[in-house]
Amino acid sequence: MPILKPAPHPTAVDPRIARTLWQWLALGAIAMLLVPAARGPVYLLGNMPFWLVLAPGFALLTLYRHALAAAWRAHLVRATPRRRRRFGARRLKSGVRVHLSFPRRARGEAPARAER
């Protein structure tokens, strides 16, 4: 009977592709820094900085898009200020808000008007 392994998470990154892209990016950046001819255009390939640095960078961003989105959401949640209840306000079970600055009255009782 074959051993069943759990299926990888659908957003899991294939380590072989990730390693290849990271190596491509590192070697492309080193080539850009050390070889002046790599900074210009090539007749059949086009602009070399794109193929050496930008293409693997965009591929890595696409590959890790779910992890980057989760990290960005976590950062936004931490950076968002929390709303606090006001000091004098309390919430009752029925959802009616009672403020402590007003005198407490029985329900259904009309507020007294001040005479001039």
PDB file of N, CA and C in Angstrom:
ATOM      1  N   MET A   1       0.848  -1.171   0.000  1.00  0.00           N
ATOM      2  CA  MET A   1       0.000   0.000   0.000  1.00  0.00           C
ATOM      3  C   MET A   1       0.902   1.245   0.000  1.00  0.00           C
ATOM      4  N   PRO A   2       0.631   2.232  -0.890  1.00  0.00           N
ATOM      5  CA  PRO A   2       1.496   3.419  -0.955  1.00  0.00           C
ATOM      6  C   PRO A   2       1.302   4.314   0.267  1.00  0.00           C
ATOM      7  N   ILE A   3       2.363   4.992   0.615  1.00  0.00           N
ATOM      8  CA  ILE A   3       2.314   5.941   1.729  1.00  0.00           C
ATOM      9  C   ILE A   3       1.720   7.246   1.208  1.00  0.00           C
ATOM     10  N   LEU A   4       0.672   7.695   1.863  1.00  0.00           N
ATOM     11  CA  LEU A   4       0.012   8.928   1.444  1.00  0.00           C
ATOM     12  C   LEU A   4       0.649  10.111   2.147  1.00  0.00           C
ATOM     13  N   LYS A   5       1.034  11.085   1.374  1.00  0.00           N
ATOM     14  CA  LYS A   5       1.605  12.305   1.927  1.00  0.00           C
ATOM     15  C   LYS A   5       0.570  13.419   1.768  1.00  0.00           C
ATOM     16  N   PRO A   6       0.530  14.324   2.715  1.00  0.00           N
ATOM     17  CA  PRO A   6      -0.421  15.428   2.555  1.00  0.00           C
ATOM     18  C   PRO A   6      -0.030  16.295   1.362  1.00  0.00           C
ATOM     19  N   ALA A   7      -1.021  16.754   0.664  1.00  0.00           N
ATOM     20  CA  ALA A   7      -0.779  17.618  -0.491  1.00  0.00           C
ATOM     21  C   ALA A   7      -0.210  18.946  -0.011  1.00  0.00           C
ATOM     22  N   PRO A   8       0.726  19.510  -0.750  1.00  0.00           N
ATOM     23  CA  PRO A   8       1.272  20.809  -0.335  1.00  0.00           C
ATOM     24  C   PRO A   8       0.198  21.884  -0.410  1.00  0.00           C
ATOM     25  N   HIS A   9       0.385  22.885   0.403  1.00  0.00           N
ATOM     26  CA  HIS A   9      -0.545  24.017   0.404  1.00  0.00           C
ATOM     27  C   HIS A   9      -0.547  24.639  -0.983  1.00  0.00           C
ATOM     28  N   PRO A  10      -1.699  25.072  -1.503  1.00  0.00           N
ATOM     29  CA  PRO A  10      -1.730  25.608  -2.867  1.00  0.00           C
ATOM     30  C   PRO A  10      -0.847  26.834  -3.053  1.00  0.00           C
ATOM     31  N   THR A  11      -0.535  27.543  -1.991  1.00  0.00           N
ATOM     32  CA  THR A  11       0.319  28.714  -2.125  1.00  0.00           C
ATOM     33  C   THR A  11       1.766  28.395  -1.799  1.00  0.00           C
ATOM     34  N   ALA A  12       2.116  27.096  -1.630  1.00  0.00           N
ATOM     35  CA  ALA A  12       3.489  26.725  -1.321  1.00  0.00           C
ATOM     36  C   ALA A  12       4.375  27.000  -2.538  1.00  0.00           C
ATOM     37  N   VAL A  13       5.579  27.461  -2.263  1.00  0.00           N
ATOM     38  CA  VAL A  13       6.526  27.816  -3.306  1.00  0.00           C
ATOM     39  C   VAL A  13       7.418  26.613  -3.577  1.00  0.00           C
ATOM     40  N   ASP A  14       7.599  26.292  -4.843  1.00  0.00           N
ATOM     41  CA  ASP A  14       8.500  25.208  -5.219  1.00  0.00           C
ATOM     42  C   ASP A  14       9.934  25.667  -4.943  1.00  0.00           C
ATOM     43  N   PRO A  15      10.662  24.973  -4.074  1.00  0.00           N
ATOM     44  CA  PRO A  15      11.999  25.443  -3.699  1.00  0.00           C
ATOM     45  C   PRO A  15      12.992  25.421  -4.852  1.00  0.00           C
ATOM     46  N   ARG A  16      12.801  24.539  -5.834  1.00  0.00           N
ATOM     47  CA  ARG A  16      13.730  24.504  -6.975  1.00  0.00           C
ATOM     48  C   ARG A  16      13.596  25.762  -7.817  1.00  0.00           C
ATOM     49  N   ILE A  17      12.366  26.191  -8.049  1.00  0.00           N
ATOM     50  CA  ILE A  17      12.148  27.412  -8.843  1.00  0.00           C
ATOM     51  C   ILE A  17      12.646  28.620  -8.071  1.00  0.00           C
ATOM     52  N   ALA A  18      12.339  28.673  -6.782  1.00  0.00           N
ATOM     53  CA  ALA A  18      12.769  29.819  -5.969  1.00  0.00           C
ATOM     54  C   ALA A  18      14.292  29.907  -5.932  1.00  0.00           C
ATOM     55  N   ARG A  19      14.975  28.793  -5.732  1.00  0.00           N
ATOM     56  CA  ARG A  19      16.441  28.802  -5.670  1.00  0.00           C
ATOM     57  C   ARG A  19      17.028  29.256  -7.010  1.00  0.00           C
ATOM     58  N   THR A  20      16.453  28.769  -8.125  1.00  0.00           N
ATOM     59  CA  THR A  20      16.934  29.163  -9.446  1.00  0.00           C
ATOM     60  C   THR A  20      16.762  30.665  -9.671  1.00  0.00           C
ATOM     61  N   LEU A  21      15.609  31.194  -9.280  1.00  0.00           N
ATOM     62  CA  LEU A  21      15.378  32.633  -9.465  1.00  0.00           C
ATOM     63  C   LEU A  21      16.298  33.471  -8.591  1.00  0.00           C
ATOM     64  N   TRP A  22      16.534  33.044  -7.333  1.00  0.00           N
ATOM     65  CA  TRP A  22      17.445  33.783  -6.462  1.00  0.00           C
ATOM     66  C   TRP A  22      18.869  33.756  -7.019  1.00  0.00           C
ATOM     67  N   GLN A  23      19.307  32.614  -7.545  1.00  0.00           N
ATOM     68  CA  GLN A  23      20.643  32.527  -8.131  1.00  0.00           C
ATOM     69  C   GLN A  23      20.744  33.396  -9.383  1.00  0.00           C
ATOM     70  N   TRP A  24      19.703  33.370 -10.209  1.00  0.00           N
ATOM     71  CA  TRP A  24      19.681  34.198 -11.408  1.00  0.00           C
ATOM     72  C   TRP A  24      19.773  35.679 -11.035  1.00  0.00           C
ATOM     73  N   LEU A  25      19.028  36.082 -10.026  1.00  0.00           N
ATOM     74  CA  LEU A  25      19.050  37.472  -9.584  1.00  0.00           C
ATOM     75  C   LEU A  25      20.426  37.858  -9.035  1.00  0.00           C
ATOM     76  N   ALA A  26      21.023  36.998  -8.214  1.00  0.00           N
ATOM     77  CA  ALA A  26      22.333  37.302  -7.641  1.00  0.00           C
ATOM     78  C   ALA A  26      23.409  37.372  -8.726  1.00  0.00           C
ATOM     79  N   LEU A  27      23.434  36.400  -9.622  1.00  0.00           N
ATOM     80  CA  LEU A  27      24.428  36.416 -10.698  1.00  0.00           C
ATOM     81  C   LEU A  27      24.207  37.592 -11.646  1.00  0.00           C
ATOM     82  N   GLY A  28      22.958  37.929 -11.904  1.00  0.00           N
ATOM     83  CA  GLY A  28      22.671  39.091 -12.759  1.00  0.00           C
ATOM     84  C   GLY A  28      23.122  40.391 -12.124  1.00  0.00           C
ATOM     85  N   ALA A  29      22.908  40.527 -10.808  1.00  0.00           N
ATOM     86  CA  ALA A  29      23.358  41.753 -10.125  1.00  0.00           C
ATOM     87  C   ALA A  29      24.884  41.837 -10.117  1.00  0.00           C
ATOM     88  N   ILE A  30      25.551  40.716  -9.904  1.00  0.00           N
ATOM     89  CA  ILE A  30      27.025  40.717  -9.935  1.00  0.00           C
ATOM     90  C   ILE A  30      27.514  41.054 -11.339  1.00  0.00           C
ATOM     91  N   ALA A  31      26.878  40.484 -12.360  1.00  0.00           N
ATOM     92  CA  ALA A  31      27.272  40.782 -13.741  1.00  0.00           C
ATOM     93  C   ALA A  31      27.048  42.253 -14.058  1.00  0.00           C
ATOM     94  N   MET A  32      25.952  42.822 -13.575  1.00  0.00           N
ATOM     95  CA  MET A  32      25.687  44.247 -13.821  1.00  0.00           C
ATOM     96  C   MET A  32      26.758  45.128 -13.187  1.00  0.00           C
ATOM     97  N   LEU A  33      27.221  44.730 -12.003  1.00  0.00           N
ATOM     98  CA  LEU A  33      28.227  45.537 -11.310  1.00  0.00           C
ATOM     99  C   LEU A  33      29.621  45.385 -11.914  1.00  0.00           C
ATOM    100  N   LEU A  34      29.969  44.186 -12.354  1.00  0.00           N
ATOM    101  CA  LEU A  34      31.344  43.921 -12.776  1.00  0.00           C
ATOM    102  C   LEU A  34      31.578  44.018 -14.275  1.00  0.00           C
ATOM    103  N   VAL A  35      30.571  43.766 -15.087  1.00  0.00           N
ATOM    104  CA  VAL A  35      30.753  43.753 -16.540  1.00  0.00           C
ATOM    105  C   VAL A  35      30.019  44.949 -17.146  1.00  0.00           C
ATOM    106  N   PRO A  36      30.763  45.936 -17.623  1.00  0.00           N
ATOM    107  CA  PRO A  36      30.095  47.117 -18.196  1.00  0.00           C
ATOM    108  C   PRO A  36      29.243  46.807 -19.427  1.00  0.00           C
ATOM    109  N   ALA A  37      29.606  45.795 -20.198  1.00  0.00           N
ATOM    110  CA  ALA A  37      28.835  45.466 -21.397  1.00  0.00           C
ATOM    111  C   ALA A  37      27.453  44.915 -21.041  1.00  0.00           C
ATOM    112  N   ALA A  38      27.284  44.422 -19.835  1.00  0.00           N
ATOM    113  CA  ALA A  38      25.995  43.867 -19.424  1.00  0.00           C
ATOM    114  C   ALA A  38      24.972  44.953 -19.098  1.00  0.00           C
ATOM    115  N   ARG A  39      25.409  46.193 -19.077  1.00  0.00           N
ATOM    116  CA  ARG A  39      24.501  47.294 -18.752  1.00  0.00           C
ATOM    117  C   ARG A  39      23.808  47.870 -19.977  1.00  0.00           C
ATOM    118  N   GLY A  40      24.194  47.432 -21.151  1.00  0.00           N
ATOM    119  CA  GLY A  40      23.632  47.987 -22.373  1.00  0.00           C
ATOM    120  C   GLY A  40      22.732  47.018 -23.096  1.00  0.00           C
ATOM    121  N   PRO A  41      22.273  47.435 -24.275  1.00  0.00           N
ATOM    122  CA  PRO A  41      21.385  46.566 -25.059  1.00  0.00           C
ATOM    123  C   PRO A  41      22.174  45.498 -25.824  1.00  0.00           C
ATOM    124  N   VAL A  42      21.505  44.390 -26.069  1.00  0.00           N
ATOM    125  CA  VAL A  42      22.045  43.314 -26.898  1.00  0.00           C
ATOM    126  C   VAL A  42      21.084  43.151 -28.070  1.00  0.00           C
ATOM    127  N   TYR A  43      21.642  42.906 -29.257  1.00  0.00           N
ATOM    128  CA  TYR A  43      20.831  42.910 -30.469  1.00  0.00           C
ATOM    129  C   TYR A  43      19.637  41.959 -30.398  1.00  0.00           C
ATOM    130  N   LEU A  44      19.827  40.719 -30.033  1.00  0.00           N
ATOM    131  CA  LEU A  44      18.730  39.745 -30.052  1.00  0.00           C
ATOM    132  C   LEU A  44      17.946  39.679 -28.741  1.00  0.00           C
ATOM    133  N   LEU A  45      18.552  40.046 -27.633  1.00  0.00           N
ATOM    134  CA  LEU A  45      17.900  39.889 -26.325  1.00  0.00           C
ATOM    135  C   LEU A  45      17.213  41.140 -25.812  1.00  0.00           C
ATOM    136  N   GLY A  46      17.618  42.284 -26.294  1.00  0.00           N
ATOM    137  CA  GLY A  46      17.028  43.519 -25.792  1.00  0.00           C
ATOM    138  C   GLY A  46      17.882  44.109 -24.684  1.00  0.00           C
ATOM    139  N   ASN A  47      17.258  44.741 -23.754  1.00  0.00           N
ATOM    140  CA  ASN A  47      17.981  45.429 -22.693  1.00  0.00           C
ATOM    141  C   ASN A  47      18.444  44.419 -21.642  1.00  0.00           C
ATOM    142  N   MET A  48      19.745  44.317 -21.412  1.00  0.00           N
ATOM    143  CA  MET A  48      20.295  43.319 -20.496  1.00  0.00           C
ATOM    144  C   MET A  48      19.929  43.559 -19.034  1.00  0.00           C
ATOM    145  N   PRO A  49      19.863  44.797 -18.530  1.00  0.00           N
ATOM    146  CA  PRO A  49      19.462  44.949 -17.125  1.00  0.00           C
ATOM    147  C   PRO A  49      18.088  44.350 -16.836  1.00  0.00           C
ATOM    148  N   PHE A  50      17.191  44.394 -17.811  1.00  0.00           N
ATOM    149  CA  PHE A  50      15.882  43.776 -17.608  1.00  0.00           C
ATOM    150  C   PHE A  50      16.028  42.278 -17.399  1.00  0.00           C
ATOM    151  N   TRP A  51      16.769  41.612 -18.284  1.00  0.00           N
ATOM    152  CA  TRP A  51      16.881  40.153 -18.214  1.00  0.00           C
ATOM    153  C   TRP A  51      17.755  39.691 -17.058  1.00  0.00           C
ATOM    154  N   LEU A  52      18.695  40.511 -16.620  1.00  0.00           N
ATOM    155  CA  LEU A  52      19.592  40.088 -15.545  1.00  0.00           C
ATOM    156  C   LEU A  52      19.046  40.383 -14.155  1.00  0.00           C
ATOM    157  N   VAL A  53      18.274  41.462 -14.008  1.00  0.00           N
ATOM    158  CA  VAL A  53      17.837  41.867 -12.670  1.00  0.00           C
ATOM    159  C   VAL A  53      16.313  41.964 -12.560  1.00  0.00           C
ATOM    160  N   LEU A  54      15.687  42.674 -13.455  1.00  0.00           N
ATOM    161  CA  LEU A  54      14.254  42.929 -13.319  1.00  0.00           C
ATOM    162  C   LEU A  54      13.394  41.689 -13.568  1.00  0.00           C
ATOM    163  N   ALA A  55      13.708  40.887 -14.568  1.00  0.00           N
ATOM    164  CA  ALA A  55      12.898  39.694 -14.856  1.00  0.00           C
ATOM    165  C   ALA A  55      12.902  38.706 -13.686  1.00  0.00           C
ATOM    166  N   PRO A  56      14.075  38.350 -13.125  1.00  0.00           N
ATOM    167  CA  PRO A  56      14.008  37.446 -11.964  1.00  0.00           C
ATOM    168  C   PRO A  56      13.379  38.105 -10.742  1.00  0.00           C
ATOM    169  N   GLY A  57      13.531  39.411 -10.604  1.00  0.00           N
ATOM    170  CA  GLY A  57      12.897  40.111  -9.480  1.00  0.00           C
ATOM    171  C   GLY A  57      11.382  40.070  -9.572  1.00  0.00           C
ATOM    172  N   PHE A  58      10.843  40.329 -10.762  1.00  0.00           N
ATOM    173  CA  PHE A  58       9.394  40.257 -10.944  1.00  0.00           C
ATOM    174  C   PHE A  58       8.884  38.823 -10.778  1.00  0.00           C
ATOM    175  N   ALA A  59       9.669  37.857 -11.249  1.00  0.00           N
ATOM    176  CA  ALA A  59       9.273  36.460 -11.092  1.00  0.00           C
ATOM    177  C   ALA A  59       9.237  36.073  -9.611  1.00  0.00           C
ATOM    178  N   LEU A  60      10.196  36.552  -8.825  1.00  0.00           N
ATOM    179  CA  LEU A  60      10.195  36.271  -7.385  1.00  0.00           C
ATOM    180  C   LEU A  60       9.016  36.940  -6.697  1.00  0.00           C
ATOM    181  N   LEU A  61       8.708  38.167  -7.088  1.00  0.00           N
ATOM    182  CA  LEU A  61       7.537  38.843  -6.512  1.00  0.00           C
ATOM    183  C   LEU A  61       6.256  38.084  -6.832  1.00  0.00           C
ATOM    184  N   THR A  62       6.154  37.573  -8.047  1.00  0.00           N
ATOM    185  CA  THR A  62       4.985  36.796  -8.429  1.00  0.00           C
ATOM    186  C   THR A  62       4.935  35.481  -7.665  1.00  0.00           C
ATOM    187  N   LEU A  63       6.102  34.858  -7.493  1.00  0.00           N
ATOM    188  CA  LEU A  63       6.164  33.572  -6.809  1.00  0.00           C
ATOM    189  C   LEU A  63       5.781  33.704  -5.334  1.00  0.00           C
ATOM    190  N   TYR A  64       6.222  34.783  -4.703  1.00  0.00           N
ATOM    191  CA  TYR A  64       5.968  34.988  -3.274  1.00  0.00           C
ATOM    192  C   TYR A  64       4.816  35.958  -3.018  1.00  0.00           C
ATOM    193  N   ARG A  65       3.902  36.116  -3.968  1.00  0.00           N
ATOM    194  CA  ARG A  65       2.849  37.125  -3.822  1.00  0.00           C
ATOM    195  C   ARG A  65       1.933  36.869  -2.639  1.00  0.00           C
ATOM    196  N   HIS A  66       1.643  35.615  -2.331  1.00  0.00           N
ATOM    197  CA  HIS A  66       0.747  35.318  -1.208  1.00  0.00           C
ATOM    198  C   HIS A  66       1.426  35.630   0.124  1.00  0.00           C
ATOM    199  N   ALA A  67       2.693  35.291   0.243  1.00  0.00           N
ATOM    200  CA  ALA A  67       3.419  35.590   1.478  1.00  0.00           C
ATOM    201  C   ALA A  67       3.596  37.094   1.648  1.00  0.00           C
ATOM    202  N   LEU A  68       3.860  37.797   0.547  1.00  0.00           N
ATOM    203  CA  LEU A  68       4.002  39.255   0.625  1.00  0.00           C
ATOM    204  C   LEU A  68       2.678  39.923   0.992  1.00  0.00           C
ATOM    205  N   ALA A  69       1.580  39.433   0.438  1.00  0.00           N
ATOM    206  CA  ALA A  69       0.264  40.000   0.770  1.00  0.00           C
ATOM    207  C   ALA A  69      -0.071  39.760   2.237  1.00  0.00           C
ATOM    208  N   ALA A  70       0.239  38.578   2.752  1.00  0.00           N
ATOM    209  CA  ALA A  70      -0.034  38.285   4.163  1.00  0.00           C
ATOM    210  C   ALA A  70       0.819  39.161   5.071  1.00  0.00           C
ATOM    211  N   ALA A  71       2.087  39.360   4.703  1.00  0.00           N
ATOM    212  CA  ALA A  71       2.953  40.220   5.508  1.00  0.00           C
ATOM    213  C   ALA A  71       2.474  41.669   5.466  1.00  0.00           C
ATOM    214  N   TRP A  72       2.018  42.120   4.312  1.00  0.00           N
ATOM    215  CA  TRP A  72       1.517  43.492   4.186  1.00  0.00           C
ATOM    216  C   TRP A  72       0.241  43.682   5.002  1.00  0.00           C
ATOM    217  N   ARG A  73      -0.664  42.685   4.968  1.00  0.00           N
ATOM    218  CA  ARG A  73      -1.877  42.774   5.788  1.00  0.00           C
ATOM    219  C   ARG A  73      -1.542  42.811   7.269  1.00  0.00           C
ATOM    220  N   ALA A  74      -0.594  41.990   7.698  1.00  0.00           N
ATOM    221  CA  ALA A  74      -0.194  41.985   9.104  1.00  0.00           C
ATOM    222  C   ALA A  74       0.397  43.332   9.494  1.00  0.00           C
ATOM    223  N   HIS A  75       1.172  43.928   8.606  1.00  0.00           N
ATOM    224  CA  HIS A  75       1.752  45.245   8.888  1.00  0.00           C
ATOM    225  C   HIS A  75       0.663  46.309   8.987  1.00  0.00           C
ATOM    226  N   LEU A  76      -0.316  46.251   8.083  1.00  0.00           N
ATOM    227  CA  LEU A  76      -1.396  47.237   8.116  1.00  0.00           C
ATOM    228  C   LEU A  76      -2.240  47.097   9.371  1.00  0.00           C
ATOM    229  N   VAL A  77      -2.474  45.870   9.822  1.00  0.00           N
ATOM    230  CA  VAL A  77      -3.269  45.657  11.029  1.00  0.00           C
ATOM    231  C   VAL A  77      -2.534  46.216  12.240  1.00  0.00           C
ATOM    232  N   ARG A  78      -1.220  46.013  12.304  1.00  0.00           N
ATOM    233  CA  ARG A  78      -0.451  46.559  13.433  1.00  0.00           C
ATOM    234  C   ARG A  78      -0.376  48.073  13.378  1.00  0.00           C
ATOM    235  N   ALA A  79      -0.329  48.642  12.164  1.00  0.00           N
ATOM    236  CA  ALA A  79      -0.170  50.090  12.021  1.00  0.00           C
ATOM    237  C   ALA A  79      -1.486  50.841  12.196  1.00  0.00           C
ATOM    238  N   THR A  80      -2.621  50.170  12.103  1.00  0.00           N
ATOM    239  CA  THR A  80      -3.916  50.833  12.217  1.00  0.00           C
ATOM    240  C   THR A  80      -4.225  51.106  13.684  1.00  0.00           C
ATOM    241  N   PRO A  81      -4.512  52.363  14.023  1.00  0.00           N
ATOM    242  CA  PRO A  81      -4.846  52.645  15.418  1.00  0.00           C
ATOM    243  C   PRO A  81      -6.195  52.030  15.781  1.00  0.00           C
ATOM    244  N   ARG A  82      -6.272  51.541  16.976  1.00  0.00           N
ATOM    245  CA  ARG A  82      -7.509  50.931  17.456  1.00  0.00           C
ATOM    246  C   ARG A  82      -8.428  52.015  18.001  1.00  0.00           C
ATOM    247  N   ARG A  83      -9.717  51.847  17.758  1.00  0.00           N
ATOM    248  CA  ARG A  83     -10.681  52.781  18.336  1.00  0.00           C
ATOM    249  C   ARG A  83     -11.018  52.313  19.735  1.00  0.00           C
ATOM    250  N   ARG A  84     -10.999  53.227  20.633  1.00  0.00           N
ATOM    251  CA  ARG A  84     -11.347  52.903  22.012  1.00  0.00           C
ATOM    252  C   ARG A  84     -12.707  53.473  22.330  1.00  0.00           C
ATOM    253  N   ARG A  85     -13.354  52.837  23.281  1.00  0.00           N
ATOM    254  CA  ARG A  85     -14.625  53.401  23.730  1.00  0.00           C
ATOM    255  C   ARG A  85     -14.360  54.687  24.484  1.00  0.00           C
ATOM    256  N   ARG A  86     -15.324  55.537  24.432  1.00  0.00           N
ATOM    257  CA  ARG A  86     -15.184  56.772  25.199  1.00  0.00           C
ATOM    258  C   ARG A  86     -15.306  56.464  26.678  1.00  0.00           C
ATOM    259  N   PHE A  87     -14.704  57.313  27.464  1.00  0.00           N
ATOM    260  CA  PHE A  87     -14.619  57.062  28.898  1.00  0.00           C
ATOM    261  C   PHE A  87     -15.996  56.960  29.543  1.00  0.00           C
ATOM    262  N   GLY A  88     -16.880  57.879  29.212  1.00  0.00           N
ATOM    263  CA  GLY A  88     -18.165  57.927  29.902  1.00  0.00           C
ATOM    264  C   GLY A  88     -19.249  57.064  29.295  1.00  0.00           C
ATOM    265  N   ALA A  89     -19.008  56.431  28.202  1.00  0.00           N
ATOM    266  CA  ALA A  89     -20.065  55.681  27.535  1.00  0.00           C
ATOM    267  C   ALA A  89     -20.036  54.219  27.960  1.00  0.00           C
ATOM    268  N   ARG A  90     -21.233  53.674  28.163  1.00  0.00           N
ATOM    269  CA  ARG A  90     -21.380  52.250  28.473  1.00  0.00           C
ATOM    270  C   ARG A  90     -22.398  51.665  27.529  1.00  0.00           C
ATOM    271  N   ARG A  91     -22.270  50.405  27.239  1.00  0.00           N
ATOM    272  CA  ARG A  91     -23.204  49.751  26.349  1.00  0.00           C
ATOM    273  C   ARG A  91     -24.020  48.747  27.162  1.00  0.00           C
ATOM    274  N   LEU A  92     -25.342  48.849  27.017  1.00  0.00           N
ATOM    275  CA  LEU A  92     -26.230  47.930  27.712  1.00  0.00           C
ATOM    276  C   LEU A  92     -26.461  46.689  26.865  1.00  0.00           C
ATOM    277  N   LYS A  93     -27.095  45.678  27.436  1.00  0.00           N
ATOM    278  CA  LYS A  93     -27.345  44.440  26.708  1.00  0.00           C
ATOM    279  C   LYS A  93     -28.249  44.666  25.501  1.00  0.00           C
ATOM    280  N   SER A  94     -29.172  45.603  25.595  1.00  0.00           N
ATOM    281  CA  SER A  94     -30.102  45.830  24.492  1.00  0.00           C
ATOM    282  C   SER A  94     -29.468  46.640  23.371  1.00  0.00           C
ATOM    283  N   GLY A  95     -28.245  47.106  23.562  1.00  0.00           N
ATOM    284  CA  GLY A  95     -27.579  47.873  22.527  1.00  0.00           C
ATOM    285  C   GLY A  95     -27.808  49.361  22.655  1.00  0.00           C
ATOM    286  N   VAL A  96     -28.523  49.816  23.693  1.00  0.00           N
ATOM    287  CA  VAL A  96     -28.777  51.226  23.896  1.00  0.00           C
ATOM    288  C   VAL A  96     -27.569  51.815  24.604  1.00  0.00           C
ATOM    289  N   ARG A  97     -27.127  52.934  24.140  1.00  0.00           N
ATOM    290  CA  ARG A  97     -25.957  53.559  24.733  1.00  0.00           C
ATOM    291  C   ARG A  97     -26.415  54.573  25.784  1.00  0.00           C
ATOM    292  N   VAL A  98     -25.821  54.519  26.942  1.00  0.00           N
ATOM    293  CA  VAL A  98     -26.152  55.436  28.025  1.00  0.00           C
ATOM    294  C   VAL A  98     -24.902  56.236  28.332  1.00  0.00           C
ATOM    295  N   HIS A  99     -25.038  57.533  28.394  1.00  0.00           N
ATOM    296  CA  HIS A  99     -23.897  58.389  28.681  1.00  0.00           C
ATOM    297  C   HIS A  99     -24.006  58.879  30.113  1.00  0.00           C
ATOM    298  N   LEU A 100     -22.910  58.864  30.833  1.00  0.00           N
ATOM    299  CA  LEU A 100     -22.943  59.194  32.253  1.00  0.00           C
ATOM    300  C   LEU A 100     -23.101  60.682  32.542  1.00  0.00           C
ATOM    301  N   SER A 101     -22.919  61.539  31.530  1.00  0.00           N
ATOM    302  CA  SER A 101     -23.035  62.974  31.798  1.00  0.00           C
ATOM    303  C   SER A 101     -24.497  63.398  31.960  1.00  0.00           C
ATOM    304  N   PHE A 102     -25.440  62.596  31.493  1.00  0.00           N
ATOM    305  CA  PHE A 102     -26.839  62.919  31.656  1.00  0.00           C
ATOM    306  C   PHE A 102     -27.365  62.232  32.925  1.00  0.00           C
ATOM    307  N   PRO A 103     -28.328  62.870  33.612  1.00  0.00           N
ATOM    308  CA  PRO A 103     -28.878  62.215  34.804  1.00  0.00           C
ATOM    309  C   PRO A 103     -29.649  60.964  34.421  1.00  0.00           C
ATOM    310  N   ARG A 104     -29.616  59.992  35.292  1.00  0.00           N
ATOM    311  CA  ARG A 104     -30.324  58.743  35.031  1.00  0.00           C
ATOM    312  C   ARG A 104     -31.819  58.935  35.279  1.00  0.00           C
ATOM    313  N   ARG A 105     -32.601  58.470  34.339  1.00  0.00           N
ATOM    314  CA  ARG A 105     -34.049  58.584  34.461  1.00  0.00           C
ATOM    315  C   ARG A 105     -34.661  57.219  34.200  1.00  0.00           C
ATOM    316  N   ALA A 106     -35.840  57.049  34.691  1.00  0.00           N
ATOM    317  CA  ALA A 106     -36.569  55.811  34.407  1.00  0.00           C
ATOM    318  C   ALA A 106     -37.016  55.838  32.955  1.00  0.00           C
ATOM    319  N   ARG A 107     -37.179  54.696  32.357  1.00  0.00           N
ATOM    320  CA  ARG A 107     -37.604  54.638  30.965  1.00  0.00           C
ATOM    321  C   ARG A 107     -39.024  55.175  30.821  1.00  0.00           C
ATOM    322  N   GLY A 108     -39.219  55.885  29.723  1.00  0.00           N
ATOM    323  CA  GLY A 108     -40.537  56.419  29.437  1.00  0.00           C
ATOM    324  C   GLY A 108     -40.779  57.767  30.097  1.00  0.00           C
ATOM    325  N   GLU A 109     -39.906  58.223  30.938  1.00  0.00           N
ATOM    326  CA  GLU A 109     -40.084  59.499  31.635  1.00  0.00           C
ATOM    327  C   GLU A 109     -39.527  60.606  30.755  1.00  0.00           C
ATOM    328  N   ALA A 110     -40.298  61.669  30.573  1.00  0.00           N
ATOM    329  CA  ALA A 110     -39.869  62.778  29.739  1.00  0.00           C
ATOM    330  C   ALA A 110     -38.865  63.640  30.528  1.00  0.00           C
ATOM    331  N   PRO A 111     -37.865  64.159  29.852  1.00  0.00           N
ATOM    332  CA  PRO A 111     -36.900  65.015  30.552  1.00  0.00           C
ATOM    333  C   PRO A 111     -37.554  66.321  30.992  1.00  0.00           C
ATOM    334  N   ALA A 112     -37.162  66.806  32.138  1.00  0.00           N
ATOM    335  CA  ALA A 112     -37.707  68.059  32.670  1.00  0.00           C
ATOM    336  C   ALA A 112     -37.087  69.229  31.917  1.00  0.00           C
ATOM    337  N   ARG A 113     -37.926  70.226  31.596  1.00  0.00           N
ATOM    338  CA  ARG A 113     -37.416  71.403  30.910  1.00  0.00           C
ATOM    339  C   ARG A 113     -37.056  72.482  31.903  1.00  0.00           C
ATOM    340  N   ALA A 114     -35.982  73.150  31.646  1.00  0.00           N
ATOM    341  CA  ALA A 114     -35.553  74.224  32.529  1.00  0.00           C
ATOM    342  C   ALA A 114     -36.397  75.473  32.245  1.00  0.00           C
ATOM    343  N   GLU A 115     -36.845  76.124  33.307  1.00  0.00           N
ATOM    344  CA  GLU A 115     -37.638  77.339  33.123  1.00  0.00           C
ATOM    345  C   GLU A 115     -36.701  78.524  33.029  1.00  0.00           C
ATOM    346  N   ARG A 116     -37.118  79.492  32.261  1.00  0.00           N
ATOM    347  CA  ARG A 116     -36.295  80.683  32.065  1.00  0.00           C
ATOM    348  C   ARG A 116     -36.576  81.729  33.058  1.00  0.00           C
TER     349      ARG A 116
END
